[in-house]
PDB file of N, CA and C in Angstrom:
ATOM      1  N   UNK A   1      14.721  11.420   5.987  1.00  0.00           N
ATOM      2  CA  UNK A   1      13.699  10.680   4.726  1.00  0.00           C
ATOM      3  C   UNK A   1      13.232   9.688   6.174  1.00  0.00           C
ATOM      4  N   UNK A   2      11.924   9.411   5.633  1.00  0.00           N
ATOM      5  CA  UNK A   2      11.413   8.476   6.575  1.00  0.00           C
ATOM      6  C   UNK A   2      10.413   7.649   5.390  1.00  0.00           C
ATOM      7  N   UNK A   3      10.330   6.257   5.643  1.00  0.00           N
ATOM      8  CA  UNK A   3      10.040   5.142   4.813  1.00  0.00           C
ATOM      9  C   UNK A   3       8.877   4.438   5.539  1.00  0.00           C
ATOM     10  N   UNK A   4       7.809   4.145   4.824  1.00  0.00           N
ATOM     11  CA  UNK A   4       6.718   3.482   5.220  1.00  0.00           C
ATOM     12  C   UNK A   4       6.410   2.096   4.429  1.00  0.00           C
ATOM     13  N   UNK A   5       6.332   0.893   4.951  1.00  0.00           N
ATOM     14  CA  UNK A   5       5.744  -0.170   4.147  1.00  0.00           C
ATOM     15  C   UNK A   5       4.468  -0.400   4.444  1.00  0.00           C
ATOM     16  N   UNK A   6       3.461  -0.364   3.680  1.00  0.00           N
ATOM     17  CA  UNK A   6       2.101  -0.823   4.060  1.00  0.00           C
ATOM     18  C   UNK A   6       1.723  -2.184   3.440  1.00  0.00           C
ATOM     19  N   UNK A   7       1.080  -3.109   4.211  1.00  0.00           N
ATOM     20  CA  UNK A   7       0.803  -4.501   3.657  1.00  0.00           C
ATOM     21  C   UNK A   7      -0.617  -4.563   3.619  1.00  0.00           C
ATOM     22  N   UNK A   8      -1.209  -4.729   2.113  1.00  0.00           N
ATOM     23  CA  UNK A   8      -2.632  -4.553   2.140  1.00  0.00           C
ATOM     24  C   UNK A   8      -3.152  -6.131   1.397  1.00  0.00           C
ATOM     25  N   UNK A   9      -4.113  -6.314   2.053  1.00  0.00           N
ATOM     26  CA  UNK A   9      -4.883  -7.717   1.562  1.00  0.00           C
ATOM     27  C   UNK A   9      -6.309  -7.190   0.831  1.00  0.00           C
ATOM     28  N   UNK A  10      -6.172  -8.136  -0.224  1.00  0.00           N
ATOM     29  CA  UNK A  10      -7.551  -7.800  -0.916  1.00  0.00           C
ATOM     30  C   UNK A  10      -8.988  -7.913  -0.429  1.00  0.00           C
ATOM     31  N   UNK A  11      -9.827  -7.671  -0.727  1.00  0.00           N
ATOM     32  CA  UNK A  11     -11.362  -8.073  -0.236  1.00  0.00           C
ATOM     33  C   UNK A  11     -11.580  -9.161  -0.797  1.00  0.00           C
ATOM     34  N   UNK A  12     -12.131 -10.026   0.126  1.00  0.00           N
ATOM     35  CA  UNK A  12     -12.724 -11.544  -0.400  1.00  0.00           C
ATOM     36  C   UNK A  12     -13.412 -11.325  -1.682  1.00  0.00           C
ATOM     37  N   UNK A  13     -13.359 -12.358  -2.697  1.00  0.00           N
ATOM     38  CA  UNK A  13     -14.416 -12.040  -3.563  1.00  0.00           C
ATOM     39  C   UNK A  13     -13.505 -11.259  -4.999  1.00  0.00           C
ATOM     40  N   UNK A  14     -12.597 -10.675  -4.686  1.00  0.00           N
ATOM     41  CA  UNK A  14     -11.603 -10.146  -5.642  1.00  0.00           C
ATOM     42  C   UNK A  14     -10.663 -11.039  -5.660  1.00  0.00           C
ATOM     43  N   UNK A  15     -10.255 -10.979  -7.307  1.00  0.00           N
ATOM     44  CA  UNK A  15      -8.910 -11.755  -7.792  1.00  0.00           C
ATOM     45  C   UNK A  15      -8.013 -10.918  -7.747  1.00  0.00           C
ATOM     46  N   UNK A  16      -6.604 -11.446  -7.716  1.00  0.00           N
ATOM     47  CA  UNK A  16      -5.628 -10.585  -7.538  1.00  0.00           C
ATOM     48  C   UNK A  16      -5.383  -9.570  -8.815  1.00  0.00           C
ATOM     49  N   UNK A  17      -5.760  -9.862  -9.797  1.00  0.00           N
ATOM     50  CA  UNK A  17      -5.856  -8.825 -10.939  1.00  0.00           C
ATOM     51  C   UNK A  17      -6.957  -8.097 -10.689  1.00  0.00           C
ATOM     52  N   UNK A  18      -8.137  -8.195 -10.111  1.00  0.00           N
ATOM     53  CA  UNK A  18      -9.267  -7.103 -10.029  1.00  0.00           C
ATOM     54  C   UNK A  18      -8.786  -6.401  -9.081  1.00  0.00           C
ATOM     55  N   UNK A  19      -8.204  -6.899  -7.862  1.00  0.00           N
ATOM     56  CA  UNK A  19      -7.418  -5.792  -6.642  1.00  0.00           C
ATOM     57  C   UNK A  19      -6.367  -4.920  -7.405  1.00  0.00           C
ATOM     58  N   UNK A  20      -5.540  -5.413  -8.109  1.00  0.00           N
ATOM     59  CA  UNK A  20      -4.530  -4.452  -8.465  1.00  0.00           C
ATOM     60  C   UNK A  20      -5.227  -3.528  -9.412  1.00  0.00           C
ATOM     61  N   UNK A  21      -5.848  -3.934 -10.651  1.00  0.00           N
ATOM     62  CA  UNK A  21      -6.526  -2.939 -11.394  1.00  0.00           C
ATOM     63  C   UNK A  21      -7.324  -1.833 -10.718  1.00  0.00           C
ATOM     64  N   UNK A  22      -8.125  -2.393  -9.613  1.00  0.00           N
ATOM     65  CA  UNK A  22      -8.987  -1.101  -8.959  1.00  0.00           C
ATOM     66  C   UNK A  22      -7.914  -0.213  -8.399  1.00  0.00           C
ATOM     67  N   UNK A  23      -6.909  -0.906  -7.473  1.00  0.00           N
ATOM     68  CA  UNK A  23      -5.897   0.063  -7.018  1.00  0.00           C
ATOM     69  C   UNK A  23      -5.414   1.075  -7.809  1.00  0.00           C
ATOM     70  N   UNK A  24      -4.773   0.435  -8.935  1.00  0.00           N
ATOM     71  CA  UNK A  24      -3.949   1.382  -9.793  1.00  0.00           C
ATOM     72  C   UNK A  24      -4.908   2.283 -10.736  1.00  0.00           C
ATOM     73  N   UNK A  25      -6.175   2.080 -11.109  1.00  0.00           N
ATOM     74  CA  UNK A  25      -6.936   2.658 -11.787  1.00  0.00           C
ATOM     75  C   UNK A  25      -8.160   3.718 -11.158  1.00  0.00           C
ATOM     76  N   UNK A  26      -8.370   3.273  -9.959  1.00  0.00           N
ATOM     77  CA  UNK A  26      -9.423   3.947  -9.299  1.00  0.00           C
ATOM     78  C   UNK A  26      -8.530   4.761  -8.207  1.00  0.00           C
ATOM     79  N   UNK A  27      -7.851   4.038  -7.273  1.00  0.00           N
ATOM     80  CA  UNK A  27      -7.800   4.179  -5.577  1.00  0.00           C
ATOM     81  C   UNK A  27      -6.649   5.203  -5.918  1.00  0.00           C
ATOM     82  N   UNK A  28      -5.446   4.769  -6.735  1.00  0.00           N
ATOM     83  CA  UNK A  28      -4.216   5.628  -6.827  1.00  0.00           C
ATOM     84  C   UNK A  28      -4.664   7.134  -7.167  1.00  0.00           C
ATOM     85  N   UNK A  29      -5.585   7.252  -8.273  1.00  0.00           N
ATOM     86  CA  UNK A  29      -5.841   8.767  -8.845  1.00  0.00           C
ATOM     87  C   UNK A  29      -6.616   9.094  -7.592  1.00  0.00           C
ATOM     88  N   UNK A  30      -7.513   8.608  -7.075  1.00  0.00           N
ATOM     89  CA  UNK A  30      -8.230   9.427  -5.972  1.00  0.00           C
ATOM     90  C   UNK A  30      -7.030   9.941  -4.958  1.00  0.00           C
ATOM     91  N   UNK A  31      -6.598   9.171  -4.443  1.00  0.00           N
ATOM     92  CA  UNK A  31      -5.289   9.527  -3.463  1.00  0.00           C
ATOM     93  C   UNK A  31      -4.822  10.799  -3.748  1.00  0.00           C
ATOM     94  N   UNK A  32      -4.287  10.822  -5.133  1.00  0.00           N
ATOM     95  CA  UNK A  32      -3.400  11.660  -5.535  1.00  0.00           C
ATOM     96  C   UNK A  32      -4.342  12.923  -5.625  1.00  0.00           C
ATOM     97  N   UNK A  33      -5.738  13.242  -5.844  1.00  0.00           N
ATOM     98  CA  UNK A  33      -6.238  13.939  -6.273  1.00  0.00           C
ATOM     99  C   UNK A  33      -6.513  14.936  -5.001  1.00  0.00           C
ATOM    100  N   UNK A  34      -6.166  14.212  -3.684  1.00  0.00           N
ATOM    101  CA  UNK A  34      -6.576  14.555  -2.187  1.00  0.00           C
ATOM    102  C   UNK A  34      -5.264  15.048  -1.751  1.00  0.00           C
ATOM    103  N   UNK A  35      -4.127  14.397  -1.870  1.00  0.00           N
ATOM    104  CA  UNK A  35      -2.856  14.339  -1.061  1.00  0.00           C
ATOM    105  C   UNK A  35      -1.913  14.828  -2.357  1.00  0.00           C
ATOM    106  N   UNK A  36      -0.589  15.314  -1.855  1.00  0.00           N
ATOM    107  CA  UNK A  36       0.366  15.512  -2.553  1.00  0.00           C
ATOM    108  C   UNK A  36       1.328  14.213  -2.996  1.00  0.00           C
ATOM    109  N   UNK A  37       2.048  14.091  -4.034  1.00  0.00           N
ATOM    110  CA  UNK A  37       2.728  12.916  -4.402  1.00  0.00           C
ATOM    111  C   UNK A  37       3.840  12.712  -3.240  1.00  0.00           C
ATOM    112  N   UNK A  38       3.834  11.868  -2.679  1.00  0.00           N
ATOM    113  CA  UNK A  38       5.026  11.318  -2.188  1.00  0.00           C
ATOM    114  C   UNK A  38       6.640  11.122  -2.708  1.00  0.00           C
ATOM    115  N   UNK A  39       7.646  11.241  -2.267  1.00  0.00           N
ATOM    116  CA  UNK A  39       8.886  10.999  -2.919  1.00  0.00           C
ATOM    117  C   UNK A  39       8.902   9.690  -3.746  1.00  0.00           C
ATOM    118  N   UNK A  40       8.323   8.568  -3.226  1.00  0.00           N
ATOM    119  CA  UNK A  40       8.235   7.349  -3.718  1.00  0.00           C
ATOM    120  C   UNK A  40       6.786   7.194  -3.285  1.00  0.00           C
ATOM    121  N   UNK A  41       5.674   6.447  -4.249  1.00  0.00           N
ATOM    122  CA  UNK A  41       4.942   5.852  -4.060  1.00  0.00           C
ATOM    123  C   UNK A  41       4.782   4.611  -4.992  1.00  0.00           C
ATOM    124  N   UNK A  42       4.967   3.317  -4.370  1.00  0.00           N
ATOM    125  CA  UNK A  42       5.232   2.301  -5.288  1.00  0.00           C
ATOM    126  C   UNK A  42       4.111   1.304  -4.755  1.00  0.00           C
ATOM    127  N   UNK A  43       3.274   0.590  -5.421  1.00  0.00           N
ATOM    128  CA  UNK A  43       2.704  -0.802  -5.270  1.00  0.00           C
ATOM    129  C   UNK A  43       3.527  -2.148  -5.746  1.00  0.00           C
ATOM    130  N   UNK A  44       3.470  -2.836  -4.853  1.00  0.00           N
ATOM    131  CA  UNK A  44       4.326  -4.122  -5.307  1.00  0.00           C
ATOM    132  C   UNK A  44       3.289  -5.047  -5.014  1.00  0.00           C
ATOM    133  N   UNK A  45       2.832  -5.764  -5.780  1.00  0.00           N
ATOM    134  CA  UNK A  45       1.762  -6.852  -5.494  1.00  0.00           C
ATOM    135  C   UNK A  45       2.538  -8.167  -5.814  1.00  0.00           C
ATOM    136  N   UNK A  46       2.096  -9.055  -5.003  1.00  0.00           N
ATOM    137  CA  UNK A  46       2.622 -10.677  -4.729  1.00  0.00           C
ATOM    138  C   UNK A  46       2.063 -11.284  -5.995  1.00  0.00           C
ATOM    139  N   UNK A  47       3.053 -12.128  -6.581  1.00  0.00           N
ATOM    140  CA  UNK A  47       3.244 -13.095  -7.472  1.00  0.00           C
ATOM    141  C   UNK A  47       2.753 -14.345  -7.019  1.00  0.00           C
ATOM    142  N   UNK A  48       1.560 -14.258  -6.907  1.00  0.00           N
ATOM    143  CA  UNK A  48       1.000 -15.862  -6.226  1.00  0.00           C
ATOM    144  C   UNK A  48       1.444 -16.996  -7.323  1.00  0.00           C
ATOM    145  N   UNK A  49       1.719 -18.187  -6.698  1.00  0.00           N
ATOM    146  CA  UNK A  49       2.342 -19.273  -7.173  1.00  0.00           C
ATOM    147  C   UNK A  49       3.918 -19.458  -7.943  1.00  0.00           C
ATOM    148  N   UNK A  50       4.326 -18.391  -7.544  1.00  0.00           N
ATOM    149  CA  UNK A  50       5.778 -18.009  -7.879  1.00  0.00           C
ATOM    150  C   UNK A  50       6.675 -18.850  -7.113  1.00  0.00           C
ATOM    151  N   UNK A  51       7.487 -19.740  -7.369  1.00  0.00           N
ATOM    152  CA  UNK A  51       8.190 -20.861  -6.609  1.00  0.00           C
ATOM    153  C   UNK A  51       9.035 -20.186  -5.552  1.00  0.00           C
ATOM    154  N   UNK A  52       9.568 -19.198  -5.846  1.00  0.00           N
ATOM    155  CA  UNK A  52      10.330 -18.408  -4.540  1.00  0.00           C
ATOM    156  C   UNK A  52       9.445 -17.594  -3.290  1.00  0.00           C
ATOM    157  N   UNK A  53       8.004 -17.817  -3.615  1.00  0.00           N
ATOM    158  CA  UNK A  53       7.032 -17.405  -2.571  1.00  0.00           C
ATOM    159  C   UNK A  53       6.946 -18.849  -1.525  1.00  0.00           C
ATOM    160  N   UNK A  54       7.837 -18.886  -0.356  1.00  0.00           N
ATOM    161  CA  UNK A  54       7.806 -20.329   0.436  1.00  0.00           C
ATOM    162  C   UNK A  54       6.635 -20.398   0.970  1.00  0.00           C
ATOM    163  N   UNK A  55       5.833 -19.203   1.378  1.00  0.00           N
ATOM    164  CA  UNK A  55       4.602 -19.382   1.776  1.00  0.00           C
ATOM    165  C   UNK A  55       3.406 -19.612   1.224  1.00  0.00           C
ATOM    166  N   UNK A  56       3.701 -19.818  -0.237  1.00  0.00           N
ATOM    167  CA  UNK A  56       2.785 -20.163  -1.057  1.00  0.00           C
ATOM    168  C   UNK A  56       1.201 -19.217  -0.703  1.00  0.00           C
ATOM    169  N   UNK A  57       0.102 -20.048  -0.989  1.00  0.00           N
ATOM    170  CA  UNK A  57      -1.343 -19.181  -0.480  1.00  0.00           C
ATOM    171  C   UNK A  57      -1.366 -18.937   1.030  1.00  0.00           C
ATOM    172  N   UNK A  58      -0.575 -19.130   1.707  1.00  0.00           N
ATOM    173  CA  UNK A  58      -0.519 -18.563   3.219  1.00  0.00           C
ATOM    174  C   UNK A  58      -0.004 -17.145   3.286  1.00  0.00           C
ATOM    175  N   UNK A  59       0.495 -16.448   2.317  1.00  0.00           N
ATOM    176  CA  UNK A  59       1.030 -15.349   2.329  1.00  0.00           C
ATOM    177  C   UNK A  59      -0.053 -14.277   2.873  1.00  0.00           C
ATOM    178  N   UNK A  60      -0.010 -13.380   3.904  1.00  0.00           N
ATOM    179  CA  UNK A  60      -1.192 -12.630   4.194  1.00  0.00           C
ATOM    180  C   UNK A  60      -1.400 -11.316   3.583  1.00  0.00           C
ATOM    181  N   UNK A  61      -0.880 -11.106   2.629  1.00  0.00           N
ATOM    182  CA  UNK A  61      -1.242  -9.849   2.070  1.00  0.00           C
ATOM    183  C   UNK A  61      -0.920  -9.917   0.595  1.00  0.00           C
ATOM    184  N   UNK A  62      -1.783  -9.131  -0.158  1.00  0.00           N
ATOM    185  CA  UNK A  62      -1.614  -9.207  -1.661  1.00  0.00           C
ATOM    186  C   UNK A  62      -0.662  -7.873  -2.336  1.00  0.00           C
ATOM    187  N   UNK A  63      -0.416  -6.707  -1.513  1.00  0.00           N
ATOM    188  CA  UNK A  63       0.406  -5.802  -2.032  1.00  0.00           C
ATOM    189  C   UNK A  63       1.122  -5.166  -0.904  1.00  0.00           C
ATOM    190  N   UNK A  64       2.296  -4.799  -1.219  1.00  0.00           N
ATOM    191  CA  UNK A  64       3.249  -4.048  -0.320  1.00  0.00           C
ATOM    192  C   UNK A  64       3.425  -2.516  -0.992  1.00  0.00           C
ATOM    193  N   UNK A  65       2.856  -1.686  -0.229  1.00  0.00           N
ATOM    194  CA  UNK A  65       2.915  -0.334  -0.875  1.00  0.00           C
ATOM    195  C   UNK A  65       4.104   0.345  -0.216  1.00  0.00           C
ATOM    196  N   UNK A  66       4.950   1.128  -0.764  1.00  0.00           N
ATOM    197  CA  UNK A  66       6.031   1.675  -0.480  1.00  0.00           C
ATOM    198  C   UNK A  66       5.873   3.303  -0.384  1.00  0.00           C
ATOM    199  N   UNK A  67       5.982   3.826   0.554  1.00  0.00           N
ATOM    200  CA  UNK A  67       6.218   5.225   0.632  1.00  0.00           C
ATOM    201  C   UNK A  67       7.126   5.782   1.270  1.00  0.00           C
ATOM    202  N   UNK A  68       7.696   6.846   0.500  1.00  0.00           N
ATOM    203  CA  UNK A  68       8.791   7.588   1.235  1.00  0.00           C
ATOM    204  C   UNK A  68       8.680   9.331   1.282  1.00  0.00           C
ATOM    205  N   UNK A  69       8.715   9.740   2.374  1.00  0.00           N
ATOM    206  CA  UNK A  69       8.329  11.075   2.595  1.00  0.00           C
ATOM    207  C   UNK A  69      10.187  11.938   2.902  1.00  0.00           C
ATOM    208  N   UNK A  70       9.946  13.155   2.932  1.00  0.00           N
ATOM    209  CA  UNK A  70      11.193  13.749   3.334  1.00  0.00           C
ATOM    210  C   UNK A  70      11.443  13.910   4.918  1.00  0.00           C
ATOM    211  N   UNK A  71      10.248  13.897   5.715  1.00  0.00           N
ATOM    212  CA  UNK A  71      10.554  13.941   7.008  1.00  0.00           C
ATOM    213  C   UNK A  71       9.207  13.406   7.711  1.00  0.00           C
ATOM    214  N   UNK A  72       9.253  13.417   8.933  1.00  0.00           N
ATOM    215  CA  UNK A  72       7.986  12.696   9.665  1.00  0.00           C
ATOM    216  C   UNK A  72       6.622  14.019   9.514  1.00  0.00           C
ATOM    217  N   UNK A  73       7.065  15.083   9.398  1.00  0.00           N
ATOM    218  CA  UNK A  73       6.324  16.292   9.000  1.00  0.00           C
ATOM    219  C   UNK A  73       5.341  15.750   7.872  1.00  0.00           C
ATOM    220  N   UNK A  74       6.350  15.785   6.643  1.00  0.00           N
ATOM    221  CA  UNK A  74       5.521  15.258   5.499  1.00  0.00           C
ATOM    222  C   UNK A  74       4.608  14.224   5.473  1.00  0.00           C
ATOM    223  N   UNK A  75       5.075  12.961   6.163  1.00  0.00           N
ATOM    224  CA  UNK A  75       4.198  11.997   6.265  1.00  0.00           C
ATOM    225  C   UNK A  75       2.983  12.191   7.053  1.00  0.00           C
ATOM    226  N   UNK A  76       3.173  13.190   8.235  1.00  0.00           N
ATOM    227  CA  UNK A  76       1.794  13.392   9.102  1.00  0.00           C
ATOM    228  C   UNK A  76       0.744  13.940   8.362  1.00  0.00           C
ATOM    229  N   UNK A  77       1.422  15.108   7.680  1.00  0.00           N
ATOM    230  CA  UNK A  77       0.390  15.877   6.476  1.00  0.00           C
ATOM    231  C   UNK A  77       0.052  15.139   5.644  1.00  0.00           C
ATOM    232  N   UNK A  78       0.578  14.176   4.804  1.00  0.00           N
ATOM    233  CA  UNK A  78       0.025  13.487   4.022  1.00  0.00           C
ATOM    234  C   UNK A  78      -1.039  12.300   4.568  1.00  0.00           C
ATOM    235  N   UNK A  79      -1.316  11.852   5.861  1.00  0.00           N
ATOM    236  CA  UNK A  79      -1.824  10.954   6.231  1.00  0.00           C
ATOM    237  C   UNK A  79      -3.056  11.772   6.718  1.00  0.00           C
ATOM    238  N   UNK A  80      -2.659  12.918   7.020  1.00  0.00           N
ATOM    239  CA  UNK A  80      -4.115  13.896   7.828  1.00  0.00           C
ATOM    240  C   UNK A  80      -4.839  14.132   6.384  1.00  0.00           C
ATOM    241  N   UNK A  81      -4.098  14.330   5.263  1.00  0.00           N
ATOM    242  CA  UNK A  81      -5.013  14.453   4.131  1.00  0.00           C
ATOM    243  C   UNK A  81      -5.601  13.547   3.579  1.00  0.00           C
ATOM    244  N   UNK A  82      -5.465  12.177   3.997  1.00  0.00           N
ATOM    245  CA  UNK A  82      -6.164  11.098   3.461  1.00  0.00           C
ATOM    246  C   UNK A  82      -7.051  10.851   4.579  1.00  0.00           C
ATOM    247  N   UNK A  83      -7.257  11.371   5.690  1.00  0.00           N
ATOM    248  CA  UNK A  83      -8.317  10.951   6.823  1.00  0.00           C
ATOM    249  C   UNK A  83      -9.694  11.456   6.275  1.00  0.00           C
ATOM    250  N   UNK A  84     -10.162  11.560   5.122  1.00  0.00           N
ATOM    251  CA  UNK A  84     -11.328  11.962   4.755  1.00  0.00           C
ATOM    252  C   UNK A  84     -12.309  10.375   4.589  1.00  0.00           C
ATOM    253  N   UNK A  85     -13.516  10.764   4.523  1.00  0.00           N
ATOM    254  CA  UNK A  85     -14.339   9.673   4.312  1.00  0.00           C
ATOM    255  C   UNK A  85     -14.168   9.122   3.172  1.00  0.00           C
ATOM    256  N   UNK A  86     -14.246   9.764   1.974  1.00  0.00           N
ATOM    257  CA  UNK A  86     -14.134   9.501   0.629  1.00  0.00           C
ATOM    258  C   UNK A  86     -13.006   8.368   0.577  1.00  0.00           C
ATOM    259  N   UNK A  87     -11.745   8.391   1.054  1.00  0.00           N
ATOM    260  CA  UNK A  87     -10.758   7.636   0.768  1.00  0.00           C
ATOM    261  C   UNK A  87     -10.902   6.182   1.525  1.00  0.00           C
ATOM    262  N   UNK A  88     -11.589   6.421   2.734  1.00  0.00           N
ATOM    263  CA  UNK A  88     -12.053   5.160   3.383  1.00  0.00           C
ATOM    264  C   UNK A  88     -12.951   4.484   2.795  1.00  0.00           C
ATOM    265  N   UNK A  89     -14.245   4.885   2.204  1.00  0.00           N
ATOM    266  CA  UNK A  89     -15.185   4.248   1.493  1.00  0.00           C
ATOM    267  C   UNK A  89     -14.485   3.756   0.175  1.00  0.00           C
ATOM    268  N   UNK A  90     -13.716   4.199  -0.399  1.00  0.00           N
ATOM    269  CA  UNK A  90     -13.129   3.701  -1.586  1.00  0.00           C
ATOM    270  C   UNK A  90     -12.276   2.685  -1.157  1.00  0.00           C
ATOM    271  N   UNK A  91     -11.705   2.643  -0.178  1.00  0.00           N
ATOM    272  CA  UNK A  91     -10.768   1.337   0.333  1.00  0.00           C
ATOM    273  C   UNK A  91     -11.764  -0.105   0.396  1.00  0.00           C
ATOM    274  N   UNK A  92     -12.920   0.336   0.991  1.00  0.00           N
ATOM    275  CA  UNK A  92     -13.632  -0.622   1.487  1.00  0.00           C
ATOM    276  C   UNK A  92     -13.969  -1.506   0.141  1.00  0.00           C
ATOM    277  N   UNK A  93     -13.792  -0.959  -1.253  1.00  0.00           N
ATOM    278  CA  UNK A  93     -14.293  -1.550  -2.242  1.00  0.00           C
ATOM    279  C   UNK A  93     -13.183  -2.497  -2.648  1.00  0.00           C
ATOM    280  N   UNK A  94     -12.080  -2.598  -2.138  1.00  0.00           N
ATOM    281  CA  UNK A  94     -11.297  -3.383  -2.640  1.00  0.00           C
ATOM    282  C   UNK A  94     -10.138  -3.802  -1.424  1.00  0.00           C
ATOM    283  N   UNK A  95     -10.146  -3.378  -0.399  1.00  0.00           N
ATOM    284  CA  UNK A  95      -9.148  -3.646   0.472  1.00  0.00           C
ATOM    285  C   UNK A  95     -10.042  -4.340   1.962  1.00  0.00           C
ATOM    286  N   UNK A  96      -9.266  -5.338   2.270  1.00  0.00           N
ATOM    287  CA  UNK A  96      -9.589  -5.840   3.496  1.00  0.00           C
ATOM    288  C   UNK A  96      -8.889  -4.898   4.710  1.00  0.00           C
ATOM    289  N   UNK A  97      -9.611  -3.803   5.092  1.00  0.00           N
ATOM    290  CA  UNK A  97      -9.004  -2.717   5.859  1.00  0.00           C
ATOM    291  C   UNK A  97      -8.800  -3.386   7.289  1.00  0.00           C
ATOM    292  N   UNK A  98      -9.307  -4.300   7.694  1.00  0.00           N
ATOM    293  CA  UNK A  98      -8.916  -4.904   9.275  1.00  0.00           C
ATOM    294  C   UNK A  98      -7.449  -5.775   9.163  1.00  0.00           C
ATOM    295  N   UNK A  99      -7.117  -6.153   7.918  1.00  0.00           N
ATOM    296  CA  UNK A  99      -5.623  -6.712   7.788  1.00  0.00           C
ATOM    297  C   UNK A  99      -4.876  -5.951   7.283  1.00  0.00           C
ATOM    298  N   UNK A 100      -4.987  -4.655   6.982  1.00  0.00           N
ATOM    299  CA  UNK A 100      -4.142  -3.686   6.750  1.00  0.00           C
ATOM    300  C   UNK A 100      -2.933  -3.375   8.032  1.00  0.00           C
ATOM    301  N   UNK A 101      -1.781  -3.430   7.588  1.00  0.00           N
ATOM    302  CA  UNK A 101      -0.481  -3.078   8.567  1.00  0.00           C
ATOM    303  C   UNK A 101       0.198  -2.109   7.674  1.00  0.00           C
ATOM    304  N   UNK A 102       1.027  -1.263   8.590  1.00  0.00           N
ATOM    305  CA  UNK A 102       1.820  -0.274   8.126  1.00  0.00           C
ATOM    306  C   UNK A 102       2.773  -0.131   9.046  1.00  0.00           C
ATOM    307  N   UNK A 103       4.349  -0.062   8.782  1.00  0.00           N
ATOM    308  CA  UNK A 103       5.488  -0.060   9.458  1.00  0.00           C
ATOM    309  C   UNK A 103       6.442   1.109   8.950  1.00  0.00           C
ATOM    310  N   UNK A 104       6.772   1.935   9.902  1.00  0.00           N
ATOM    311  CA  UNK A 104       8.143   2.707   9.417  1.00  0.00           C
ATOM    312  C   UNK A 104       9.423   1.801   9.310  1.00  0.00           C
ATOM    313  N   UNK A 105      10.221   1.937   8.300  1.00  0.00           N
ATOM    314  CA  UNK A 105      11.315   1.012   8.462  1.00  0.00           C
ATOM    315  C   UNK A 105      12.621   1.749   8.489  1.00  0.00           C
ATOM    316  N   UNK A 106      13.834   1.260   8.505  1.00  0.00           N
ATOM    317  CA  UNK A 106      15.214   1.753   8.398  1.00  0.00           C
ATOM    318  C   UNK A 106      15.789   1.105   7.275  1.00  0.00           C
ATOM    319  N   UNK A 107      16.106   1.580   6.184  1.00  0.00           N
ATOM    320  CA  UNK A 107      16.425   1.194   4.922  1.00  0.00           C
ATOM    321  C   UNK A 107      17.894   1.132   4.985  1.00  0.00           C
ATOM    322  N   UNK A 108      18.563   0.121   4.862  1.00  0.00           N
ATOM    323  CA  UNK A 108      20.278   0.051   4.821  1.00  0.00           C
ATOM    324  C   UNK A 108      20.460  -0.518   3.273  1.00  0.00           C
ATOM    325  N   UNK A 109      21.646  -0.416   2.631  1.00  0.00           N
ATOM    326  CA  UNK A 109      22.080  -1.252   1.537  1.00  0.00           C
ATOM    327  C   UNK A 109      23.584  -1.398   1.659  1.00  0.00           C
ATOM    328  N   UNK A 110      24.097  -2.264   0.968  1.00  0.00           N
ATOM    329  CA  UNK A 110      25.205  -2.787   0.437  1.00  0.00           C
ATOM    330  C   UNK A 110      25.746  -3.387   1.741  1.00  0.00           C
ATOM    331  N   UNK A 111      27.201  -3.559   1.736  1.00  0.00           N
ATOM    332  CA  UNK A 111      27.920  -4.287   2.666  1.00  0.00           C
ATOM    333  C   UNK A 111      28.370  -3.457   3.992  1.00  0.00           C
ATOM    334  N   UNK A 112      28.256  -3.665   4.862  1.00  0.00           N
ATOM    335  CA  UNK A 112      28.809  -2.716   6.077  1.00  0.00           C
ATOM    336  C   UNK A 112      28.226  -1.725   6.191  1.00  0.00           C
TER     337      UNK A 112
END
């Protein structure tokens, strides 16, 4: 299993709600029309103003996307299927693409 976290920042001029609405109702359906559904495809939106967010307004992203694939080959195949201009053009509608970051992570749970 391979897990990737993507950190996305909304395009200047969009509210957090407009960003989330566009992502959920336009971009996700577009992506899934071009690529297979990963084992996990979650979008986690920052709740600005929450007391637990100690960085406050300085948080540098608006959404953490979690993707899980069976293996690196599946990840590579999924990424290759997204390498089309239509996806990139759509992202420019709501994402600050220069601020996008993605990382493969090693998940562990429980004690020890």
